[in-house]
Protein backbone atom coordinates (compact mmCIF):
# COMPACT_ATOMS: atom_id res chain seq x y z
CA MET A 1 -12.94 -45.61 -11.04
CA LEU A 2 -15.55 -44.92 -8.44
CA MET A 3 -15.32 -41.00 -7.48
CA THR A 4 -16.73 -39.81 -4.22
CA GLN A 5 -19.58 -37.48 -4.07
CA HIS A 6 -17.68 -34.67 -2.78
CA GLU A 7 -14.36 -34.29 -4.73
CA MET A 8 -11.64 -32.62 -3.28
CA ILE A 9 -9.35 -30.90 -5.82
CA THR A 10 -5.30 -31.27 -5.26
CA PRO A 11 -3.73 -28.46 -7.45
CA ASN A 12 -0.56 -29.61 -9.49
CA LYS A 13 2.83 -28.87 -7.85
CA ASN A 14 3.54 -25.83 -9.82
CA TYR A 15 0.13 -23.98 -9.82
CA PRO A 16 -2.39 -23.36 -7.36
CA PHE A 17 -4.86 -24.93 -10.01
CA LYS A 18 -5.00 -28.55 -11.42
CA LEU A 19 -4.49 -29.13 -14.99
CA PHE A 20 -4.63 -32.81 -16.40
CA GLU A 21 -6.21 -34.68 -19.20
CA PHE A 22 -7.69 -38.11 -19.65
CA ASN A 23 -8.41 -40.53 -22.42
CA SER A 24 -11.34 -43.15 -22.24
CA GLU A 25 -11.47 -46.03 -24.23
CA ASP A 26 -14.18 -48.07 -22.50
CA SER A 27 -17.86 -46.29 -23.69
CA SER A 28 -19.59 -47.98 -20.78
CA ARG A 29 -17.99 -46.64 -17.84
CA LEU A 30 -19.91 -44.14 -15.84
CA ILE A 31 -18.31 -41.64 -13.20
CA LEU A 32 -20.87 -41.43 -10.51
CA PRO A 33 -22.67 -38.24 -9.79
CA HIS A 34 -20.31 -35.86 -7.53
CA TRP A 35 -19.57 -32.23 -7.11
CA HIS A 36 -16.47 -29.99 -6.00
CA ASN A 37 -16.08 -26.26 -4.73
CA SER A 38 -13.74 -25.78 -7.86
CA ILE A 39 -14.85 -24.61 -11.16
CA GLU A 40 -13.86 -27.09 -13.67
CA ILE A 41 -13.55 -26.42 -17.44
CA LEU A 42 -13.34 -29.24 -19.92
CA LEU A 43 -12.11 -29.06 -23.45
CA CYS A 44 -12.93 -31.92 -25.74
CA LEU A 45 -9.84 -32.58 -27.88
CA GLU A 46 -11.32 -35.82 -29.50
CA GLY A 47 -14.56 -38.00 -29.16
CA VAL A 48 -17.61 -37.22 -27.13
CA LEU A 49 -18.07 -36.75 -23.38
CA GLU A 50 -21.34 -37.10 -22.08
CA ILE A 51 -22.12 -34.61 -19.02
CA ARG A 52 -24.92 -35.54 -16.73
CA LEU A 53 -26.31 -32.79 -14.74
CA SER A 54 -29.29 -33.12 -12.05
CA GLN A 55 -31.70 -31.83 -14.76
CA SER A 56 -30.13 -32.09 -18.16
CA THR A 57 -27.61 -33.98 -20.17
CA PHE A 58 -25.00 -32.13 -22.52
CA HIS A 59 -22.90 -33.78 -25.05
CA LEU A 60 -19.51 -32.17 -25.80
CA THR A 61 -17.80 -32.92 -29.15
CA GLU A 62 -14.25 -32.09 -30.38
CA GLY A 63 -13.30 -28.77 -29.91
CA GLY A 64 -16.19 -27.99 -27.22
CA VAL A 65 -15.78 -26.28 -23.90
CA TYR A 66 -18.03 -26.74 -20.99
CA LEU A 67 -17.48 -25.14 -17.57
CA ILE A 68 -19.11 -26.90 -14.40
CA ASN A 69 -19.81 -24.12 -11.88
CA SER A 70 -19.03 -24.93 -8.07
CA ASN A 71 -21.18 -27.21 -6.26
CA ILE A 72 -22.95 -28.48 -9.25
CA ILE A 73 -23.71 -32.23 -9.15
CA HIS A 74 -22.52 -33.84 -12.46
CA SER A 75 -21.29 -37.24 -13.90
CA THR A 76 -19.70 -37.90 -16.86
CA ARG A 77 -19.65 -40.74 -19.47
CA THR A 78 -17.76 -41.31 -23.07
CA PRO A 79 -20.42 -42.44 -25.55
CA ARG A 80 -17.20 -42.71 -27.68
CA PRO A 81 -13.61 -43.02 -26.70
CA GLY A 82 -12.47 -39.67 -26.33
CA HIS A 83 -9.62 -37.40 -25.10
CA VAL A 84 -10.49 -34.37 -22.75
CA PHE A 85 -8.40 -31.59 -21.25
CA VAL A 86 -9.30 -30.38 -17.82
CA LEU A 87 -8.66 -27.22 -15.83
CA GLN A 88 -10.07 -27.41 -12.31
CA VAL A 89 -9.70 -24.15 -10.16
CA PRO A 90 -10.25 -24.13 -6.77
CA LEU A 91 -12.75 -21.66 -5.12
CA GLU A 92 -10.07 -19.54 -3.43
CA PHE A 93 -8.42 -18.85 -6.85
CA VAL A 94 -11.71 -18.15 -8.30
CA GLN A 95 -12.36 -15.74 -5.58
CA GLN A 96 -9.37 -13.79 -6.03
CA CYS A 97 -10.11 -13.57 -9.81
CA THR A 98 -13.49 -12.27 -9.36
CA GLU A 99 -13.10 -9.96 -6.26
CA ASN A 100 -15.22 -12.30 -4.06
CA ASN A 101 -18.30 -11.85 -6.38
CA TYR A 102 -18.10 -15.50 -7.59
CA GLY A 103 -21.34 -17.49 -6.17
CA LYS A 104 -22.78 -14.20 -4.80
CA LYS A 105 -23.32 -12.02 -7.58
CA ILE A 106 -22.13 -14.04 -10.56
CA TYR A 107 -21.96 -17.36 -12.14
CA PHE A 108 -20.56 -18.22 -15.53
CA GLN A 109 -22.05 -19.49 -18.50
CA ASP A 110 -21.61 -23.52 -18.80
CA ASP A 111 -21.57 -24.14 -22.51
CA LEU A 112 -18.46 -22.29 -23.96
CA SER A 113 -18.28 -24.01 -27.00
CA ASN A 114 -18.92 -20.91 -29.26
CA ASN A 115 -16.27 -18.81 -27.71
CA ASN A 116 -12.99 -19.53 -29.78
CA LYS A 117 -10.85 -17.25 -27.78
CA ILE A 118 -11.52 -19.34 -24.62
CA GLN A 119 -10.90 -22.42 -26.56
CA GLN A 120 -7.60 -21.02 -28.01
CA ASN A 121 -6.65 -19.81 -24.41
CA LEU A 122 -7.24 -23.48 -22.94
CA LEU A 123 -5.10 -25.03 -25.85
CA ALA A 124 -2.31 -22.37 -25.10
CA VAL A 125 -2.59 -23.47 -21.59
CA ARG A 126 -2.15 -27.40 -22.43
CA GLN A 127 0.97 -26.45 -24.69
CA LEU A 128 2.81 -24.33 -22.27
CA ASP A 129 2.28 -26.86 -19.52
CA MET A 130 3.68 -29.80 -21.74
CA ARG A 131 7.04 -27.49 -22.01
CA ASN A 132 7.37 -27.85 -18.21
CA ASP A 133 9.90 -25.16 -17.55
CA LEU A 134 10.01 -22.10 -15.35
CA SER A 135 9.13 -19.47 -18.19
CA SER A 136 6.40 -21.69 -19.47
CA HIS A 137 4.81 -22.23 -16.06
CA ALA A 138 4.82 -18.46 -15.73
CA LEU A 139 2.98 -18.23 -18.84
CA VAL A 140 0.29 -20.79 -17.81
CA PHE A 141 -0.54 -18.42 -14.81
CA ALA A 142 -0.55 -15.53 -17.52
CA LYS A 143 -3.16 -17.48 -19.62
CA VAL A 144 -5.51 -18.79 -16.66
CA TYR A 145 -5.78 -15.15 -15.85
CA GLU A 146 -6.37 -14.17 -19.24
CA LEU A 147 -8.97 -16.73 -19.39
CA PHE A 148 -10.85 -15.59 -16.38
CA SER A 149 -10.64 -12.10 -18.01
CA ARG A 150 -12.46 -13.49 -20.81
CA LEU A 151 -15.16 -15.25 -18.62
CA LEU A 152 -15.74 -12.23 -16.95
CA ALA A 153 -16.02 -10.01 -19.80
CA THR A 154 -18.28 -12.22 -21.95
CA GLU A 155 -19.66 -15.13 -19.96
CA VAL A 156 -21.28 -13.97 -16.71
CA ILE A 157 -24.67 -14.69 -15.21
CA ASN A 158 -25.74 -12.20 -13.00
CA GLY A 159 -27.03 -13.26 -9.70
CA PRO A 160 -27.22 -16.89 -8.22
CA ILE A 161 -29.01 -19.43 -9.90
CA ILE A 162 -32.32 -20.47 -7.85
CA LYS A 163 -32.24 -23.94 -8.80
CA GLU A 164 -28.37 -24.52 -8.21
CA ALA A 165 -28.59 -22.35 -4.85
CA GLU A 166 -31.11 -24.53 -3.72
CA THR A 167 -28.88 -27.62 -4.64
CA VAL A 168 -26.14 -26.28 -2.63
CA LYS A 169 -28.32 -26.41 0.30
CA LYS A 170 -29.12 -30.06 0.10
CA LEU A 171 -25.18 -31.07 -0.48
CA GLY A 172 -24.55 -31.80 3.00
CA GLN A 173 -27.47 -34.19 3.52
CA LEU A 174 -26.60 -35.69 0.14
CA SER A 175 -23.09 -36.47 1.12
CA GLU A 176 -24.20 -38.14 4.37
CA ILE A 177 -26.69 -40.24 2.34
CA ASN A 178 -24.18 -41.44 -0.52
CA THR A 179 -21.54 -42.17 2.30
CA PHE A 180 -24.26 -44.55 3.77
CA ILE A 181 -24.85 -46.13 0.51
CA LYS A 182 -21.19 -46.62 -0.30
CA LYS A 183 -20.51 -48.14 3.39
CA HIS A 184 -23.55 -50.49 3.29
CA TYR A 185 -24.04 -51.50 -0.46
CA GLN A 186 -22.85 -54.95 0.15
CA GLU A 187 -25.99 -55.30 2.34
CA ASN A 188 -29.62 -55.73 1.11
CA LEU A 189 -30.22 -52.04 1.03
CA THR A 190 -33.38 -50.84 0.05
CA LEU A 191 -34.90 -47.29 -0.52
CA GLU A 192 -37.26 -47.83 2.47
CA ALA A 193 -34.28 -48.54 5.05
CA VAL A 194 -32.11 -45.53 3.88
CA ALA A 195 -35.22 -43.17 4.00
CA THR A 196 -36.04 -44.36 7.11
CA GLN A 197 -32.17 -43.96 8.23
CA PHE A 198 -32.35 -40.23 7.52
CA ASN A 199 -35.97 -39.48 8.80
CA TYR A 200 -37.66 -39.27 5.29
CA ASN A 201 -40.99 -40.78 3.91
CA ALA A 202 -39.99 -43.10 1.23
CA SER A 203 -42.05 -41.75 -1.35
CA TYR A 204 -40.66 -38.15 -0.67
CA PHE A 205 -37.09 -39.41 -0.43
CA SER A 206 -37.38 -41.18 -3.95
CA ARG A 207 -38.59 -37.99 -5.41
CA PHE A 208 -35.68 -35.71 -3.44
CA TYR A 209 -32.99 -38.01 -4.17
CA LYS A 210 -33.79 -37.95 -8.05
CA ARG A 211 -34.32 -34.57 -8.17
CA PHE A 212 -31.00 -33.31 -6.88
CA MET A 213 -28.71 -36.33 -7.66
CA GLY A 214 -29.99 -36.68 -11.39
CA ILE A 215 -30.54 -40.72 -11.10
CA SER A 216 -32.68 -42.44 -8.86
CA PHE A 217 -31.68 -44.07 -5.58
CA VAL A 218 -31.71 -47.36 -7.07
CA GLU A 219 -29.52 -46.13 -10.25
CA TYR A 220 -27.00 -44.85 -7.88
CA LEU A 221 -26.81 -47.95 -5.65
CA ASN A 222 -26.46 -50.31 -8.51
CA SER A 223 -23.82 -47.99 -10.15
CA VAL A 224 -22.03 -48.10 -6.80
CA ARG A 225 -22.16 -51.91 -6.90
CA ILE A 226 -21.15 -52.23 -10.35
CA ASN A 227 -18.03 -50.38 -9.98
CA ALA A 228 -17.03 -52.59 -6.84
CA ALA A 229 -17.67 -55.51 -9.15
CA TYR A 230 -15.87 -53.82 -12.08
CA LYS A 231 -12.67 -53.53 -9.96
CA LEU A 232 -12.99 -57.11 -8.49
CA LEU A 233 -13.35 -58.49 -12.07
CA LEU A 234 -10.35 -56.98 -13.41
CA GLU A 235 -8.06 -57.11 -10.40
CA THR A 236 -8.71 -60.21 -8.85
CA ASP A 237 -9.29 -63.84 -9.84
CA MET A 238 -12.41 -64.13 -7.77
CA ARG A 239 -15.27 -66.45 -9.11
CA ILE A 240 -18.13 -64.55 -10.61
CA ILE A 241 -20.37 -65.74 -7.94
CA ASP A 242 -18.09 -64.45 -5.38
CA ILE A 243 -17.85 -61.08 -7.03
CA ALA A 244 -21.60 -60.93 -7.11
CA ASN A 245 -22.02 -61.51 -3.51
CA ALA A 246 -19.04 -59.16 -2.56
CA SER A 247 -20.66 -56.29 -4.68
CA GLY A 248 -24.08 -56.42 -3.08
CA PHE A 249 -25.99 -58.36 -5.58
CA GLY A 250 -28.55 -60.72 -4.24
CA ASN A 251 -27.55 -63.48 -6.91
CA VAL A 252 -25.42 -64.13 -9.89
CA LYS A 253 -28.40 -63.63 -12.24
CA SER A 254 -29.05 -59.88 -11.02
CA PHE A 255 -25.32 -59.29 -11.20
CA TYR A 256 -25.19 -60.62 -14.76
CA LEU A 257 -28.23 -58.56 -15.94
CA MET A 258 -26.87 -55.26 -14.55
CA PHE A 259 -23.38 -55.92 -15.59
CA LYS A 260 -24.53 -56.71 -19.20
CA LYS A 261 -26.85 -53.97 -19.63
CA GLN A 262 -23.81 -51.49 -18.55
CA PHE A 263 -21.28 -53.22 -20.71
CA GLN A 264 -23.12 -55.04 -23.32
CA LEU A 265 -21.08 -58.06 -22.34
CA SER A 266 -21.33 -60.80 -19.60
CA PRO A 267 -18.83 -60.33 -16.60
CA GLN A 268 -16.91 -63.44 -18.07
CA GLN A 269 -16.89 -62.08 -21.68
CA TYR A 270 -15.65 -58.90 -20.32
CA ARG A 271 -13.07 -60.43 -18.18
CA LYS A 272 -11.65 -62.13 -21.12
CA LYS A 273 -11.71 -59.23 -23.64
CA GLN A 274 -9.58 -57.32 -20.80
CA GLY A 275 -7.00 -60.26 -20.65
CA LYS A 276 -7.49 -60.92 -17.16
């Protein structure tokens, strides 16, 4: 699934936050770089989750916990099939728990894998939520508040992180650029054309985009196209040449090479493997 660059978090019916988990069987799928105002806490239950940030890459293994602070650009991939539990907490709830200090005076540490109490806390939240009754719902609230108590006691970074604060200032512009890319990906879109559209020098724009998004303009554009082609390949009976054209690839050869680089199979082989 292709995710938007700014993801809106919709809380669960019973809570002011969102709980969910996902299984990834396809190790080649990449969720494009995006961000959200919420805090996202990931607990790896099985396999490996690769978390790509603008300046670094982190591999979350079984039992590990990773916290993505608000408005941090990130993408994820599973090098091996994996199972991950996710807690997404909207900024309003975070500010309630931190007395409006989050993002102003404090951030939270990201790698929480050595904090066994937080790991146990998340596992308890997961188990209670699976019971799906009124008393368990109340206990989920208690456990999430307890989680924030532990974060505030042991995992605080004082003061805003300069690099992250600078990134936040660029999010509006990046959102406009990525929206433009996703609107025009089917066209013969070039870095120079996009740079001109947003009044940037092409060389500066190339550096700017790579620095804050964590991948180059061309990598992002190709990922958008591959995501579009992937959906058409599995959900329609379109010919490969028509999928290539509809996804913005100049010709079948370039589509074939890009697809095989991503999935280690040709489009035909992948479609056959998926039983389409």
